[in-house]
């Protein structure tokens, strides 16, 4: 009983770990030229799971059912043929579609992402797509596997082969591993995890997309080739599995591509080397064109690594993260140097951040930096402040129990329990409520999108839009699972039959529904950061606060901006002041910001340099005035003062 429950937990966790681990490996190798951060890449994996997976599923359904209606051919025959013709094209395009859409919609994305970023995001989308296939195929088979554990892995006999779910040591010592392999029962060689095909194919396609967007004419031709090659290799691979004896164009390519697949491990390395070389060349040209983005030691001739490395160790343990954030933000600006005007807000924000960084190169500038409880903060009393978190966690219970039930012996039959007639109606109620929660969170995220789009850096807006894509995909998957599953007749029945993705054909109603609900992990209450913060703030010197405020003004440091101001993310709702000052403490005197101070701030060169968008400046003034209306004590904010910088950082934190 213990091994089964541990298996249920371990199988799912190891699948998720393997999907993100391969992306992390590429990310570490790409550290010299990337601008995207690991949290964004994890969101890319999730977007591949819920966005690309659902898009591919829908297009495949339309094609196969449409062809069956038009031609009258049997659906299984159409599905078999499509599996090595149309299906690979749909999947390869779907995996990079979210990032292509972002690039098409936003000039900042096209300008600020380098080729390395496109490659990494493509790899993340492919890893997420591969993960959804593995979860749908194997997440409900835990009780059928034998022996092992999280370190040894598990196996299950399937005909004359084994389904091998790899343990943690095998995964961490492998290159771009896939969590599940199919091993020949009569093989004498030492088995090891296969390379994730979807990750490799999508990394190549991501680089191809980047070349189409950023490259010269010859490079765009190479980009087209990199988009076509994954489709062709995918089609040849599926042809070998589905119909190896049928002659045709795909069959002619199958043998040479199968031979080249022995060097599959090399594909992403070659692609990453090419992307790094081209990105490095772009960055060097940008530094020559924009010398105001170079630190003083760099202008004096020191290498960037040495110049910025000294700053990273000036104020341990805080400065390594701050410096790395500056490096990524500066790279994003430099990538755009030949695509934007000289007065571009991103360039100006980075130039100001560079000047502020030069003022914080010594340990003295960071002396006394630390976390302390905010003045006037009191411990939260009662259940009311925690209610949104409790509701969110409660709605996640069925999905978490199904995929991550823990190792207690009493949980060994949790999947079967959730499918019981007297439990499943409750699961449906939780699922419908979860869909409503997701809809509410999507609405809140969409309302916060405008200030994110106004920020000079694209990172915050991209994160929000990927969350929107994930949410819409999970809602569509949840509704589709409910409709198809209820029509299928029960929680233990497949939701679809005769589908190109055989994982879908094997997926039970309960598994598909709860996988859609698992997306709620990415949509916690908007005030969670403030609730978890406990009223702490980051105490800084004036020079350090100015440096971080410039990064926050670029839209690159929202979390730290919240710590600077002592407030978490999320808007000022009805309970904001109660949570800020305590339930029993009297609020500060009510006093509006003076008209003179308001005019002084709004017309100041300081604010115009910090917030280039006039609408965002008006939003900031309205935010200040609303705060004083609701009870915050008024103090005169001199433009450029540490107090004004802190208020601006708090505003940006709430917006981002």
Foldseek 3Di string as FASTA:
>chain_A
DLQLQLLLQLLLVLQLCLLLVLLVVLCVVLLVFFLDDSVVLLLLLLCLQQFLQLQLQVVQVCVLVVCCVVPVDDSLVSLLVCLLPVSLLSNLCSLLVLVLVVVVVDVLSLQQGFLSHLLSSLLSSLSSNLSNLCCLQPSPCSVQWDDDGQAQFTWHDDPQWIWTQHHDVLSVPDRQFRRIDIGGNPDPDDDGGDHRLSSLLSSLLSSLSSCCRPNDPVSVVVSVVSSVVSSLLSSLVSCVVRPQPDDDPSNVCNVVSVVVCVVSSCRNVVSSVVRSVVSVVLLVVLCVVQVLLDAPVVVVPDDPCVVLVLQQPQAPPPRVVLSSLLVSLSSSVSSNRVPDDPVQLSSLLSSQLRVLSNVRSHNVQFPPKDKDFAPLADFADDCVVVVLVVLLVVLLVLLCLSNNVDSDPVSSCVVVVCFDPVNVVVNVVSLVVLLVLLVVLLVVLVVLLVVQSQFQRVNVNSSSVSLNSSSVSLSVQQVLLVVQQVVQPGQQGQSDDSGSSVSSNNGGSVSSNSVSSNSSVVRGDQQPFQNVLSRMAIDGDLSVLSSVLSCLLNVRRLQNLCRHLSGAAADCDPCNQCNGNHVPDDFAAQDFADPVLLVQQLPDPLVCSSRVDNVVSVVLSVVRRVVSRVGHDDDRDHRPDSVVSSSSSNVSNHSD
